Amino acid sequence: QVQLVESGGGLVQAGESLKLSCLASGKTWTIGGMAWYRQTPGKERELVARITRGGVPREFGDFVKGRFTIRRDNTKNTVDLQMNNLTPEDTAVYSCYAQAQGLNSWGRGTQVTVSS
C-alpha cells in the first residue's frame, strides 16, 4: 500500500505562482505513474498533469497551457507541481495520485485559492 500526502497549497493572488508537493510513503518501490488532479465543488475531478515512473511528463489538462510543470524525484519519493501565472479559475482542491500494483492511491488534497 502507498500513502500520499500533499503540501504547498494556500491563498495567492492572480498572476502569482505556487508549488505543490506530494510525498509518498509505504511500498514506494511499487509506484508506477503518478499525477495531480483537481476538483471544485459541483464539478468532476480533472487531470492536471501526469508523469511516468521514469519522470517523463505525459499529459496535461487543456487549461494548463504551458503554465504548470510536473517533476518527480524517485529518490525522495516526491512529485511536485509548479504552477505559474495562476488565475481564479485555478482555485480547487489539488490531489496527488499514484498507481501501484494495479491499485489507485489518492492523497487527501490541498486547497489552492487564487484571488483576483
PDB file of N, CA and C in Angstrom:
ATOM      1  N   GLN A   1       0.837  -1.197   0.000  1.00  0.00           N
ATOM      2  CA  GLN A   1       0.000   0.000   0.000  1.00  0.00           C
ATOM      3  C   GLN A   1       0.865   1.238   0.000  1.00  0.00           C
ATOM      4  N   VAL A   2       0.309   2.280  -0.591  1.00  0.00           N
ATOM      5  CA  VAL A   2       1.025   3.538  -0.722  1.00  0.00           C
ATOM      6  C   VAL A   2       0.192   4.642  -0.097  1.00  0.00           C
ATOM      7  N   GLN A   3       0.848   5.512   0.643  1.00  0.00           N
ATOM      8  CA  GLN A   3       0.183   6.676   1.217  1.00  0.00           C
ATOM      9  C   GLN A   3       0.768   7.932   0.576  1.00  0.00           C
ATOM     10  N   LEU A   4      -0.109   8.892   0.338  1.00  0.00           N
ATOM     11  CA  LEU A   4       0.282  10.136  -0.319  1.00  0.00           C
ATOM     12  C   LEU A   4      -0.152  11.326   0.535  1.00  0.00           C
ATOM     13  N   VAL A   5       0.749  12.267   0.716  1.00  0.00           N
ATOM     14  CA  VAL A   5       0.436  13.468   1.485  1.00  0.00           C
ATOM     15  C   VAL A   5       0.863  14.686   0.676  1.00  0.00           C
ATOM     16  N   GLU A   6      -0.096  15.560   0.429  1.00  0.00           N
ATOM     17  CA  GLU A   6       0.180  16.777  -0.325  1.00  0.00           C
ATOM     18  C   GLU A   6       0.501  17.937   0.609  1.00  0.00           C
ATOM     19  N   SER A   7       1.247  18.882   0.083  1.00  0.00           N
ATOM     20  CA  SER A   7       1.548  20.108   0.820  1.00  0.00           C
ATOM     21  C   SER A   7       1.769  21.239  -0.175  1.00  0.00           C
ATOM     22  N   GLY A   8       1.734  22.461   0.331  1.00  0.00           N
ATOM     23  CA  GLY A   8       2.059  23.608  -0.506  1.00  0.00           C
ATOM     24  C   GLY A   8       0.887  24.444  -0.960  1.00  0.00           C
ATOM     25  N   GLY A   9      -0.320  24.019  -0.655  1.00  0.00           N
ATOM     26  CA  GLY A   9      -1.479  24.810  -1.055  1.00  0.00           C
ATOM     27  C   GLY A   9      -1.568  26.100  -0.251  1.00  0.00           C
ATOM     28  N   GLY A  10      -2.458  26.975  -0.688  1.00  0.00           N
ATOM     29  CA  GLY A  10      -2.636  28.223   0.025  1.00  0.00           C
ATOM     30  C   GLY A  10      -3.396  29.235  -0.787  1.00  0.00           C
ATOM     31  N   LEU A  11      -3.344  30.470  -0.319  1.00  0.00           N
ATOM     32  CA  LEU A  11      -4.030  31.584  -0.973  1.00  0.00           C
ATOM     33  C   LEU A  11      -3.009  32.474  -1.661  1.00  0.00           C
ATOM     34  N   VAL A  12      -3.213  32.700  -2.944  1.00  0.00           N
ATOM     35  CA  VAL A  12      -2.330  33.580  -3.711  1.00  0.00           C
ATOM     36  C   VAL A  12      -3.186  34.511  -4.552  1.00  0.00           C
ATOM     37  N   GLN A  13      -2.550  35.523  -5.101  1.00  0.00           N
ATOM     38  CA  GLN A  13      -3.250  36.435  -5.991  1.00  0.00           C
ATOM     39  C   GLN A  13      -3.054  36.011  -7.440  1.00  0.00           C
ATOM     40  N   ALA A  14      -3.954  36.432  -8.283  1.00  0.00           N
ATOM     41  CA  ALA A  14      -3.854  36.127  -9.699  1.00  0.00           C
ATOM     42  C   ALA A  14      -2.501  36.585 -10.246  1.00  0.00           C
ATOM     43  N   GLY A  15      -1.905  35.716 -11.059  1.00  0.00           N
ATOM     44  CA  GLY A  15      -0.599  36.011 -11.629  1.00  0.00           C
ATOM     45  C   GLY A  15       0.566  35.466 -10.833  1.00  0.00           C
ATOM     46  N   GLU A  16       0.327  35.069  -9.617  1.00  0.00           N
ATOM     47  CA  GLU A  16       1.395  34.535  -8.774  1.00  0.00           C
ATOM     48  C   GLU A  16       1.607  33.033  -9.019  1.00  0.00           C
ATOM     49  N   SER A  17       2.612  32.503  -8.340  1.00  0.00           N
ATOM     50  CA  SER A  17       2.980  31.097  -8.511  1.00  0.00           C
ATOM     51  C   SER A  17       2.822  30.346  -7.205  1.00  0.00           C
ATOM     52  N   LEU A  18       2.740  29.043  -7.334  1.00  0.00           N
ATOM     53  CA  LEU A  18       2.624  28.163  -6.174  1.00  0.00           C
ATOM     54  C   LEU A  18       3.216  26.815  -6.546  1.00  0.00           C
ATOM     55  N   LYS A  19       3.876  26.196  -5.585  1.00  0.00           N
ATOM     56  CA  LYS A  19       4.436  24.868  -5.814  1.00  0.00           C
ATOM     57  C   LYS A  19       3.803  23.885  -4.850  1.00  0.00           C
ATOM     58  N   LEU A  20       3.223  22.845  -5.410  1.00  0.00           N
ATOM     59  CA  LEU A  20       2.651  21.770  -4.603  1.00  0.00           C
ATOM     60  C   LEU A  20       3.614  20.592  -4.578  1.00  0.00           C
ATOM     61  N   SER A  21       3.649  19.920  -3.452  1.00  0.00           N
ATOM     62  CA  SER A  21       4.486  18.729  -3.319  1.00  0.00           C
ATOM     63  C   SER A  21       3.650  17.568  -2.822  1.00  0.00           C
ATOM     64  N   CYS A  22       4.006  16.389  -3.268  1.00  0.00           N
ATOM     65  CA  CYS A  22       3.349  15.153  -2.831  1.00  0.00           C
ATOM     66  C   CYS A  22       4.432  14.194  -2.375  1.00  0.00           C
ATOM     67  N   LEU A  23       4.309  13.746  -1.147  1.00  0.00           N
ATOM     68  CA  LEU A  23       5.265  12.798  -0.578  1.00  0.00           C
ATOM     69  C   LEU A  23       4.606  11.434  -0.454  1.00  0.00           C
ATOM     70  N   ALA A  24       5.244  10.444  -1.043  1.00  0.00           N
ATOM     71  CA  ALA A  24       4.736   9.078  -0.982  1.00  0.00           C
ATOM     72  C   ALA A  24       5.466   8.296   0.097  1.00  0.00           C
ATOM     73  N   SER A  25       4.741   7.393   0.730  1.00  0.00           N
ATOM     74  CA  SER A  25       5.332   6.500   1.724  1.00  0.00           C
ATOM     75  C   SER A  25       4.701   5.128   1.577  1.00  0.00           C
ATOM     76  N   GLY A  26       5.234   4.186   2.301  1.00  0.00           N
ATOM     77  CA  GLY A  26       4.755   2.810   2.186  1.00  0.00           C
ATOM     78  C   GLY A  26       5.557   2.071   1.137  1.00  0.00           C
ATOM     79  N   LYS A  27       4.867   1.290   0.338  1.00  0.00           N
ATOM     80  CA  LYS A  27       5.535   0.473  -0.684  1.00  0.00           C
ATOM     81  C   LYS A  27       5.852   1.323  -1.922  1.00  0.00           C
ATOM     82  N   THR A  28       6.730   2.288  -1.734  1.00  0.00           N
ATOM     83  CA  THR A  28       7.003   3.248  -2.806  1.00  0.00           C
ATOM     84  C   THR A  28       7.664   2.608  -4.017  1.00  0.00           C
ATOM     85  N   TRP A  29       8.334   1.493  -3.830  1.00  0.00           N
ATOM     86  CA  TRP A  29       9.004   0.837  -4.948  1.00  0.00           C
ATOM     87  C   TRP A  29       8.007   0.227  -5.936  1.00  0.00           C
ATOM     88  N   THR A  30       6.749   0.161  -5.529  1.00  0.00           N
ATOM     89  CA  THR A  30       5.728  -0.396  -6.421  1.00  0.00           C
ATOM     90  C   THR A  30       5.017   0.676  -7.248  1.00  0.00           C
ATOM     91  N   ILE A  31       5.329   1.944  -6.989  1.00  0.00           N
ATOM     92  CA  ILE A  31       4.622   3.027  -7.660  1.00  0.00           C
ATOM     93  C   ILE A  31       5.022   3.117  -9.116  1.00  0.00           C
ATOM     94  N   GLY A  32       4.039   3.226  -9.971  1.00  0.00           N
ATOM     95  CA  GLY A  32       4.271   3.444 -11.390  1.00  0.00           C
ATOM     96  C   GLY A  32       4.035   4.897 -11.718  1.00  0.00           C
ATOM     97  N   GLY A  33       3.014   5.155 -12.533  1.00  0.00           N
ATOM     98  CA  GLY A  33       2.706   6.530 -12.888  1.00  0.00           C
ATOM     99  C   GLY A  33       2.108   7.305 -11.723  1.00  0.00           C
ATOM    100  N   MET A  34       2.333   8.607 -11.748  1.00  0.00           N
ATOM    101  CA  MET A  34       1.748   9.496 -10.745  1.00  0.00           C
ATOM    102  C   MET A  34       1.120  10.682 -11.454  1.00  0.00           C
ATOM    103  N   ALA A  35       0.281  11.399 -10.721  1.00  0.00           N
ATOM    104  CA  ALA A  35      -0.403  12.521 -11.356  1.00  0.00           C
ATOM    105  C   ALA A  35      -0.932  13.477 -10.305  1.00  0.00           C
ATOM    106  N   TRP A  36      -1.277  14.650 -10.774  1.00  0.00           N
ATOM    107  CA  TRP A  36      -2.023  15.628  -9.976  1.00  0.00           C
ATOM    108  C   TRP A  36      -3.387  15.815 -10.641  1.00  0.00           C
ATOM    109  N   TYR A  37      -4.412  15.829  -9.804  1.00  0.00           N
ATOM    110  CA  TYR A  37      -5.779  16.123 -10.237  1.00  0.00           C
ATOM    111  C   TYR A  37      -6.295  17.300  -9.416  1.00  0.00           C
ATOM    112  N   ARG A  38      -7.389  17.881  -9.888  1.00  0.00           N
ATOM    113  CA  ARG A  38      -8.014  18.943  -9.109  1.00  0.00           C
ATOM    114  C   ARG A  38      -9.529  18.831  -9.221  1.00  0.00           C
ATOM    115  N   GLN A  39     -10.192  19.399  -8.235  1.00  0.00           N
ATOM    116  CA  GLN A  39     -11.655  19.352  -8.211  1.00  0.00           C
ATOM    117  C   GLN A  39     -12.202  20.571  -7.508  1.00  0.00           C
ATOM    118  N   THR A  40     -13.265  21.116  -8.066  1.00  0.00           N
ATOM    119  CA  THR A  40     -14.007  22.203  -7.432  1.00  0.00           C
ATOM    120  C   THR A  40     -15.420  21.713  -7.162  1.00  0.00           C
ATOM    121  N   PRO A  41     -16.100  22.292  -6.185  1.00  0.00           N
ATOM    122  CA  PRO A  41     -17.459  21.850  -5.853  1.00  0.00           C
ATOM    123  C   PRO A  41     -18.382  21.887  -7.069  1.00  0.00           C
ATOM    124  N   GLY A  42     -19.110  20.796  -7.272  1.00  0.00           N
ATOM    125  CA  GLY A  42     -20.064  20.737  -8.358  1.00  0.00           C
ATOM    126  C   GLY A  42     -19.480  20.351  -9.696  1.00  0.00           C
ATOM    127  N   LYS A  43     -18.169  20.135  -9.737  1.00  0.00           N
ATOM    128  CA  LYS A  43     -17.524  19.755 -10.990  1.00  0.00           C
ATOM    129  C   LYS A  43     -16.797  18.433 -10.818  1.00  0.00           C
ATOM    130  N   GLU A  44     -16.599  17.753 -11.929  1.00  0.00           N
ATOM    131  CA  GLU A  44     -15.870  16.494 -11.874  1.00  0.00           C
ATOM    132  C   GLU A  44     -14.379  16.749 -11.665  1.00  0.00           C
ATOM    133  N   ARG A  45     -13.745  15.768 -11.080  1.00  0.00           N
ATOM    134  CA  ARG A  45     -12.299  15.866 -10.914  1.00  0.00           C
ATOM    135  C   ARG A  45     -11.637  15.819 -12.293  1.00  0.00           C
ATOM    136  N   GLU A  46     -10.631  16.651 -12.471  1.00  0.00           N
ATOM    137  CA  GLU A  46      -9.973  16.711 -13.777  1.00  0.00           C
ATOM    138  C   GLU A  46      -8.464  16.562 -13.623  1.00  0.00           C
ATOM    139  N   LEU A  47      -7.868  15.981 -14.620  1.00  0.00           N
ATOM    140  CA  LEU A  47      -6.425  15.783 -14.628  1.00  0.00           C
ATOM    141  C   LEU A  47      -5.712  17.115 -14.805  1.00  0.00           C
ATOM    142  N   VAL A  48      -4.703  17.321 -13.990  1.00  0.00           N
ATOM    143  CA  VAL A  48      -3.848  18.497 -14.138  1.00  0.00           C
ATOM    144  C   VAL A  48      -2.588  18.116 -14.907  1.00  0.00           C
ATOM    145  N   ALA A  49      -1.897  17.096 -14.423  1.00  0.00           N
ATOM    146  CA  ALA A  49      -0.664  16.665 -15.079  1.00  0.00           C
ATOM    147  C   ALA A  49      -0.349  15.237 -14.664  1.00  0.00           C
ATOM    148  N   ARG A  50       0.281  14.520 -15.562  1.00  0.00           N
ATOM    149  CA  ARG A  50       0.631  13.118 -15.313  1.00  0.00           C
ATOM    150  C   ARG A  50       2.097  12.902 -15.651  1.00  0.00           C
ATOM    151  N   ILE A  51       2.735  12.025 -14.903  1.00  0.00           N
ATOM    152  CA  ILE A  51       4.160  11.778 -15.116  1.00  0.00           C
ATOM    153  C   ILE A  51       4.434  10.292 -14.989  1.00  0.00           C
ATOM    154  N   THR A  52       5.351   9.798 -15.800  1.00  0.00           N
ATOM    155  CA  THR A  52       5.644   8.375 -15.786  1.00  0.00           C
ATOM    156  C   THR A  52       6.540   7.997 -14.614  1.00  0.00           C
ATOM    157  N   ARG A  53       6.712   6.718 -14.438  1.00  0.00           N
ATOM    158  CA  ARG A  53       7.600   6.219 -13.389  1.00  0.00           C
ATOM    159  C   ARG A  53       9.013   6.765 -13.571  1.00  0.00           C
ATOM    160  N   GLY A  54       9.409   6.903 -14.816  1.00  0.00           N
ATOM    161  CA  GLY A  54      10.748   7.386 -15.110  1.00  0.00           C
ATOM    162  C   GLY A  54      10.894   8.897 -15.078  1.00  0.00           C
ATOM    163  N   GLY A  55       9.825   9.614 -14.767  1.00  0.00           N
ATOM    164  CA  GLY A  55       9.912  11.061 -14.638  1.00  0.00           C
ATOM    165  C   GLY A  55       9.635  11.831 -15.905  1.00  0.00           C
ATOM    166  N   VAL A  56       8.961  11.221 -16.861  1.00  0.00           N
ATOM    167  CA  VAL A  56       8.642  11.910 -18.114  1.00  0.00           C
ATOM    168  C   VAL A  56       7.207  12.437 -18.042  1.00  0.00           C
ATOM    169  N   PRO A  57       7.007  13.742 -18.146  1.00  0.00           N
ATOM    170  CA  PRO A  57       5.644  14.274 -18.192  1.00  0.00           C
ATOM    171  C   PRO A  57       4.904  13.735 -19.414  1.00  0.00           C
ATOM    172  N   ARG A  58       3.675  13.283 -19.216  1.00  0.00           N
ATOM    173  CA  ARG A  58       2.973  12.623 -20.317  1.00  0.00           C
ATOM    174  C   ARG A  58       1.723  13.351 -20.759  1.00  0.00           C
ATOM    175  N   GLU A  59       1.067  14.025 -19.869  1.00  0.00           N
ATOM    176  CA  GLU A  59      -0.227  14.614 -20.224  1.00  0.00           C
ATOM    177  C   GLU A  59      -0.531  15.769 -19.298  1.00  0.00           C
ATOM    178  N   PHE A  60      -1.127  16.801 -19.878  1.00  0.00           N
ATOM    179  CA  PHE A  60      -1.551  17.959 -19.103  1.00  0.00           C
ATOM    180  C   PHE A  60      -2.993  18.286 -19.449  1.00  0.00           C
ATOM    181  N   GLY A  61      -3.714  18.829 -18.494  1.00  0.00           N
ATOM    182  CA  GLY A  61      -5.046  19.315 -18.776  1.00  0.00           C
ATOM    183  C   GLY A  61      -4.994  20.455 -19.787  1.00  0.00           C
ATOM    184  N   ASP A  62      -6.036  20.580 -20.588  1.00  0.00           N
ATOM    185  CA  ASP A  62      -6.068  21.621 -21.614  1.00  0.00           C
ATOM    186  C   ASP A  62      -5.917  23.018 -21.015  1.00  0.00           C
ATOM    187  N   PHE A  63      -6.379  23.186 -19.807  1.00  0.00           N
ATOM    188  CA  PHE A  63      -6.356  24.501 -19.162  1.00  0.00           C
ATOM    189  C   PHE A  63      -4.947  24.897 -18.716  1.00  0.00           C
ATOM    190  N   VAL A  64      -4.016  23.954 -18.703  1.00  0.00           N
ATOM    191  CA  VAL A  64      -2.669  24.264 -18.214  1.00  0.00           C
ATOM    192  C   VAL A  64      -1.972  25.267 -19.123  1.00  0.00           C
ATOM    193  N   LYS A  65      -2.022  25.030 -20.420  1.00  0.00           N
ATOM    194  CA  LYS A  65      -1.499  25.971 -21.420  1.00  0.00           C
ATOM    195  C   LYS A  65      -0.070  26.418 -21.103  1.00  0.00           C
ATOM    196  N   GLY A  66       0.770  25.460 -20.721  1.00  0.00           N
ATOM    197  CA  GLY A  66       2.174  25.752 -20.513  1.00  0.00           C
ATOM    198  C   GLY A  66       2.511  26.424 -19.204  1.00  0.00           C
ATOM    199  N   ARG A  67       1.541  26.615 -18.341  1.00  0.00           N
ATOM    200  CA  ARG A  67       1.798  27.333 -17.090  1.00  0.00           C
ATOM    201  C   ARG A  67       2.338  26.444 -15.976  1.00  0.00           C
ATOM    202  N   PHE A  68       2.085  25.167 -16.045  1.00  0.00           N
ATOM    203  CA  PHE A  68       2.440  24.240 -14.969  1.00  0.00           C
ATOM    204  C   PHE A  68       3.511  23.268 -15.445  1.00  0.00           C
ATOM    205  N   THR A  69       4.361  22.846 -14.501  1.00  0.00           N
ATOM    206  CA  THR A  69       5.319  21.776 -14.763  1.00  0.00           C
ATOM    207  C   THR A  69       5.220  20.734 -13.668  1.00  0.00           C
ATOM    208  N   ILE A  70       5.466  19.498 -14.024  1.00  0.00           N
ATOM    209  CA  ILE A  70       5.435  18.397 -13.065  1.00  0.00           C
ATOM    210  C   ILE A  70       6.792  17.732 -13.069  1.00  0.00           C
ATOM    211  N   ARG A  71       7.288  17.465 -11.881  1.00  0.00           N
ATOM    212  CA  ARG A  71       8.591  16.813 -11.736  1.00  0.00           C
ATOM    213  C   ARG A  71       8.487  15.745 -10.666  1.00  0.00           C
ATOM    214  N   ARG A  72       9.359  14.760 -10.808  1.00  0.00           N
ATOM    215  CA  ARG A  72       9.317  13.626  -9.890  1.00  0.00           C
ATOM    216  C   ARG A  72      10.735  13.292  -9.460  1.00  0.00           C
ATOM    217  N   ASP A  73      10.885  12.997  -8.197  1.00  0.00           N
ATOM    218  CA  ASP A  73      12.174  12.572  -7.649  1.00  0.00           C
ATOM    219  C   ASP A  73      11.959  11.248  -6.941  1.00  0.00           C
ATOM    220  N   ASN A  74      12.325  10.180  -7.585  1.00  0.00           N
ATOM    221  CA  ASN A  74      12.103   8.853  -7.012  1.00  0.00           C
ATOM    222  C   ASN A  74      13.020   8.565  -5.821  1.00  0.00           C
ATOM    223  N   THR A  75      14.107   9.291  -5.719  1.00  0.00           N
ATOM    224  CA  THR A  75      14.996   9.098  -4.559  1.00  0.00           C
ATOM    225  C   THR A  75      14.376   9.689  -3.295  1.00  0.00           C
ATOM    226  N   LYS A  76      13.539  10.680  -3.471  1.00  0.00           N
ATOM    227  CA  LYS A  76      12.868  11.307  -2.329  1.00  0.00           C
ATOM    228  C   LYS A  76      11.395  10.915  -2.253  1.00  0.00           C
ATOM    229  N   ASN A  77      10.921  10.161  -3.211  1.00  0.00           N
ATOM    230  CA  ASN A  77       9.516   9.737  -3.279  1.00  0.00           C
ATOM    231  C   ASN A  77       8.572  10.934  -3.335  1.00  0.00           C
ATOM    232  N   THR A  78       8.930  11.901  -4.144  1.00  0.00           N
ATOM    233  CA  THR A  78       8.109  13.101  -4.262  1.00  0.00           C
ATOM    234  C   THR A  78       7.740  13.380  -5.718  1.00  0.00           C
ATOM    235  N   VAL A  79       6.612  14.037  -5.875  1.00  0.00           N
ATOM    236  CA  VAL A  79       6.232  14.580  -7.176  1.00  0.00           C
ATOM    237  C   VAL A  79       5.715  15.991  -6.932  1.00  0.00           C
ATOM    238  N   ASP A  80       6.270  16.934  -7.637  1.00  0.00           N
ATOM    239  CA  ASP A  80       5.951  18.343  -7.443  1.00  0.00           C
ATOM    240  C   ASP A  80       5.199  18.896  -8.631  1.00  0.00           C
ATOM    241  N   LEU A  81       4.362  19.870  -8.331  1.00  0.00           N
ATOM    242  CA  LEU A  81       3.635  20.580  -9.368  1.00  0.00           C
ATOM    243  C   LEU A  81       3.921  22.069  -9.211  1.00  0.00           C
ATOM    244  N   GLN A  82       4.647  22.622 -10.137  1.00  0.00           N
ATOM    245  CA  GLN A  82       4.936  24.054 -10.136  1.00  0.00           C
ATOM    246  C   GLN A  82       3.887  24.757 -10.987  1.00  0.00           C
ATOM    247  N   MET A  83       3.168  25.673 -10.368  1.00  0.00           N
ATOM    248  CA  MET A  83       2.079  26.360 -11.056  1.00  0.00           C
ATOM    249  C   MET A  83       2.403  27.846 -11.150  1.00  0.00           C
ATOM    250  N   ASN A  84       2.446  28.351 -12.349  1.00  0.00           N
ATOM    251  CA  ASN A  84       2.755  29.757 -12.586  1.00  0.00           C
ATOM    252  C   ASN A  84       1.567  30.472 -13.207  1.00  0.00           C
ATOM    253  N   ASN A  85       1.576  31.787 -13.069  1.00  0.00           N
ATOM    254  CA  ASN A  85       0.540  32.622 -13.676  1.00  0.00           C
ATOM    255  C   ASN A  85      -0.859  32.103 -13.337  1.00  0.00           C
ATOM    256  N   LEU A  86      -1.085  31.911 -12.070  1.00  0.00           N
ATOM    257  CA  LEU A  86      -2.364  31.364 -11.622  1.00  0.00           C
ATOM    258  C   LEU A  86      -3.508  32.351 -11.843  1.00  0.00           C
ATOM    259  N   THR A  87      -4.673  31.804 -12.088  1.00  0.00           N
ATOM    260  CA  THR A  87      -5.886  32.601 -12.261  1.00  0.00           C
ATOM    261  C   THR A  87      -6.938  32.122 -11.260  1.00  0.00           C
ATOM    262  N   PRO A  88      -7.974  32.918 -11.018  1.00  0.00           N
ATOM    263  CA  PRO A  88      -9.035  32.473 -10.101  1.00  0.00           C
ATOM    264  C   PRO A  88      -9.668  31.146 -10.538  1.00  0.00           C
ATOM    265  N   GLU A  89      -9.630  30.855 -11.832  1.00  0.00           N
ATOM    266  CA  GLU A  89     -10.199  29.591 -12.329  1.00  0.00           C
ATOM    267  C   GLU A  89      -9.385  28.375 -11.895  1.00  0.00           C
ATOM    268  N   ASP A  90      -8.195  28.596 -11.389  1.00  0.00           N
ATOM    269  CA  ASP A  90      -7.363  27.502 -10.886  1.00  0.00           C
ATOM    270  C   ASP A  90      -7.692  27.145  -9.437  1.00  0.00           C
ATOM    271  N   THR A  91      -8.577  27.886  -8.831  1.00  0.00           N
ATOM    272  CA  THR A  91      -8.991  27.589  -7.458  1.00  0.00           C
ATOM    273  C   THR A  91      -9.640  26.215  -7.397  1.00  0.00           C
ATOM    274  N   ALA A  92      -9.097  25.352  -6.536  1.00  0.00           N
ATOM    275  CA  ALA A  92      -9.592  23.975  -6.446  1.00  0.00           C
ATOM    276  C   ALA A  92      -8.842  23.251  -5.337  1.00  0.00           C
ATOM    277  N   VAL A  93      -9.302  22.049  -5.053  1.00  0.00           N
ATOM    278  CA  VAL A  93      -8.537  21.133  -4.211  1.00  0.00           C
ATOM    279  C   VAL A  93      -7.692  20.276  -5.141  1.00  0.00           C
ATOM    280  N   TYR A  94      -6.399  20.298  -4.913  1.00  0.00           N
ATOM    281  CA  TYR A  94      -5.460  19.560  -5.753  1.00  0.00           C
ATOM    282  C   TYR A  94      -5.043  18.294  -5.020  1.00  0.00           C
ATOM    283  N   SER A  95      -5.172  17.166  -5.714  1.00  0.00           N
ATOM    284  CA  SER A  95      -4.879  15.869  -5.098  1.00  0.00           C
ATOM    285  C   SER A  95      -3.814  15.123  -5.884  1.00  0.00           C
ATOM    286  N   CYS A  96      -3.016  14.409  -5.152  1.00  0.00           N
ATOM    287  CA  CYS A  96      -1.956  13.580  -5.727  1.00  0.00           C
ATOM    288  C   CYS A  96      -2.497  12.170  -5.955  1.00  0.00           C
ATOM    289  N   TYR A  97      -2.058  11.562  -7.036  1.00  0.00           N
ATOM    290  CA  TYR A  97      -2.499  10.212  -7.395  1.00  0.00           C
ATOM    291  C   TYR A  97      -1.289   9.368  -7.741  1.00  0.00           C
ATOM    292  N   ALA A  98      -1.369   8.096  -7.369  1.00  0.00           N
ATOM    293  CA  ALA A  98      -0.324   7.152  -7.744  1.00  0.00           C
ATOM    294  C   ALA A  98      -0.959   5.808  -8.052  1.00  0.00           C
ATOM    295  N   GLN A  99      -0.392   5.166  -9.044  1.00  0.00           N
ATOM    296  CA  GLN A  99      -0.827   3.809  -9.355  1.00  0.00           C
ATOM    297  C   GLN A  99       0.275   2.856  -8.909  1.00  0.00           C
ATOM    298  N   ALA A 100      -0.120   1.869  -8.117  1.00  0.00           N
ATOM    299  CA  ALA A 100       0.866   0.936  -7.580  1.00  0.00           C
ATOM    300  C   ALA A 100       0.267  -0.461  -7.567  1.00  0.00           C
ATOM    301  N   GLN A 101       0.894  -1.344  -8.309  1.00  0.00           N
ATOM    302  CA  GLN A 101       0.455  -2.732  -8.364  1.00  0.00           C
ATOM    303  C   GLN A 101      -1.023  -2.845  -8.708  1.00  0.00           C
ATOM    304  N   GLY A 102      -1.446  -2.046  -9.659  1.00  0.00           N
ATOM    305  CA  GLY A 102      -2.826  -2.114 -10.106  1.00  0.00           C
ATOM    306  C   GLY A 102      -3.825  -1.405  -9.222  1.00  0.00           C
ATOM    307  N   LEU A 103      -3.370  -0.831  -8.145  1.00  0.00           N
ATOM    308  CA  LEU A 103      -4.259  -0.120  -7.218  1.00  0.00           C
ATOM    309  C   LEU A 103      -4.064   1.387  -7.363  1.00  0.00           C
ATOM    310  N   ASN A 104      -5.147   2.109  -7.154  1.00  0.00           N
ATOM    311  CA  ASN A 104      -5.104   3.566  -7.209  1.00  0.00           C
ATOM    312  C   ASN A 104      -5.008   4.130  -5.800  1.00  0.00           C
ATOM    313  N   SER A 105      -4.044   5.007  -5.593  1.00  0.00           N
ATOM    314  CA  SER A 105      -3.890   5.658  -4.298  1.00  0.00           C
ATOM    315  C   SER A 105      -4.076   7.156  -4.465  1.00  0.00           C
ATOM    316  N   TRP A 106      -4.742   7.749  -3.497  1.00  0.00           N
ATOM    317  CA  TRP A 106      -5.022   9.182  -3.534  1.00  0.00           C
ATOM    318  C   TRP A 106      -4.613   9.840  -2.225  1.00  0.00           C
ATOM    319  N   GLY A 107      -4.110  11.059  -2.341  1.00  0.00           N
ATOM    320  CA  GLY A 107      -3.911  11.853  -1.150  1.00  0.00           C
ATOM    321  C   GLY A 107      -5.203  12.553  -0.772  1.00  0.00           C
ATOM    322  N   ARG A 108      -5.184  13.242   0.369  1.00  0.00           N
ATOM    323  CA  ARG A 108      -6.396  13.932   0.824  1.00  0.00           C
ATOM    324  C   ARG A 108      -6.616  15.249   0.105  1.00  0.00           C
ATOM    325  N   GLY A 109      -5.580  15.767  -0.481  1.00  0.00           N
ATOM    326  CA  GLY A 109      -5.720  17.004  -1.229  1.00  0.00           C
ATOM    327  C   GLY A 109      -5.253  18.227  -0.470  1.00  0.00           C
ATOM    328  N   THR A 110      -4.948  19.258  -1.215  1.00  0.00           N
ATOM    329  CA  THR A 110      -4.552  20.537  -0.635  1.00  0.00           C
ATOM    330  C   THR A 110      -5.288  21.653  -1.376  1.00  0.00           C
ATOM    331  N   GLN A 111      -5.794  22.598  -0.620  1.00  0.00           N
ATOM    332  CA  GLN A 111      -6.610  23.663  -1.203  1.00  0.00           C
ATOM    333  C   GLN A 111      -5.726  24.750  -1.813  1.00  0.00           C
ATOM    334  N   VAL A 112      -6.048  25.104  -3.034  1.00  0.00           N
ATOM    335  CA  VAL A 112      -5.409  26.237  -3.702  1.00  0.00           C
ATOM    336  C   VAL A 112      -6.494  27.261  -4.000  1.00  0.00           C
ATOM    337  N   THR A 113      -6.293  28.459  -3.517  1.00  0.00           N
ATOM    338  CA  THR A 113      -7.251  29.530  -3.748  1.00  0.00           C
ATOM    339  C   THR A 113      -6.532  30.711  -4.391  1.00  0.00           C
ATOM    340  N   VAL A 114      -7.065  31.153  -5.516  1.00  0.00           N
ATOM    341  CA  VAL A 114      -6.455  32.264  -6.242  1.00  0.00           C
ATOM    342  C   VAL A 114      -7.441  33.423  -6.256  1.00  0.00           C
ATOM    343  N   SER A 115      -7.036  34.534  -5.684  1.00  0.00           N
ATOM    344  CA  SER A 115      -7.907  35.708  -5.636  1.00  0.00           C
ATOM    345  C   SER A 115      -7.622  36.627  -6.823  1.00  0.00           C
ATOM    346  N   SER A 116      -8.650  37.342  -7.231  1.00  0.00           N
ATOM    347  CA  SER A 116      -8.500  38.250  -8.385  1.00  0.00           C
ATOM    348  C   SER A 116      -8.030  39.621  -7.967  1.00  0.00           C
TER     349      SER A 116
END
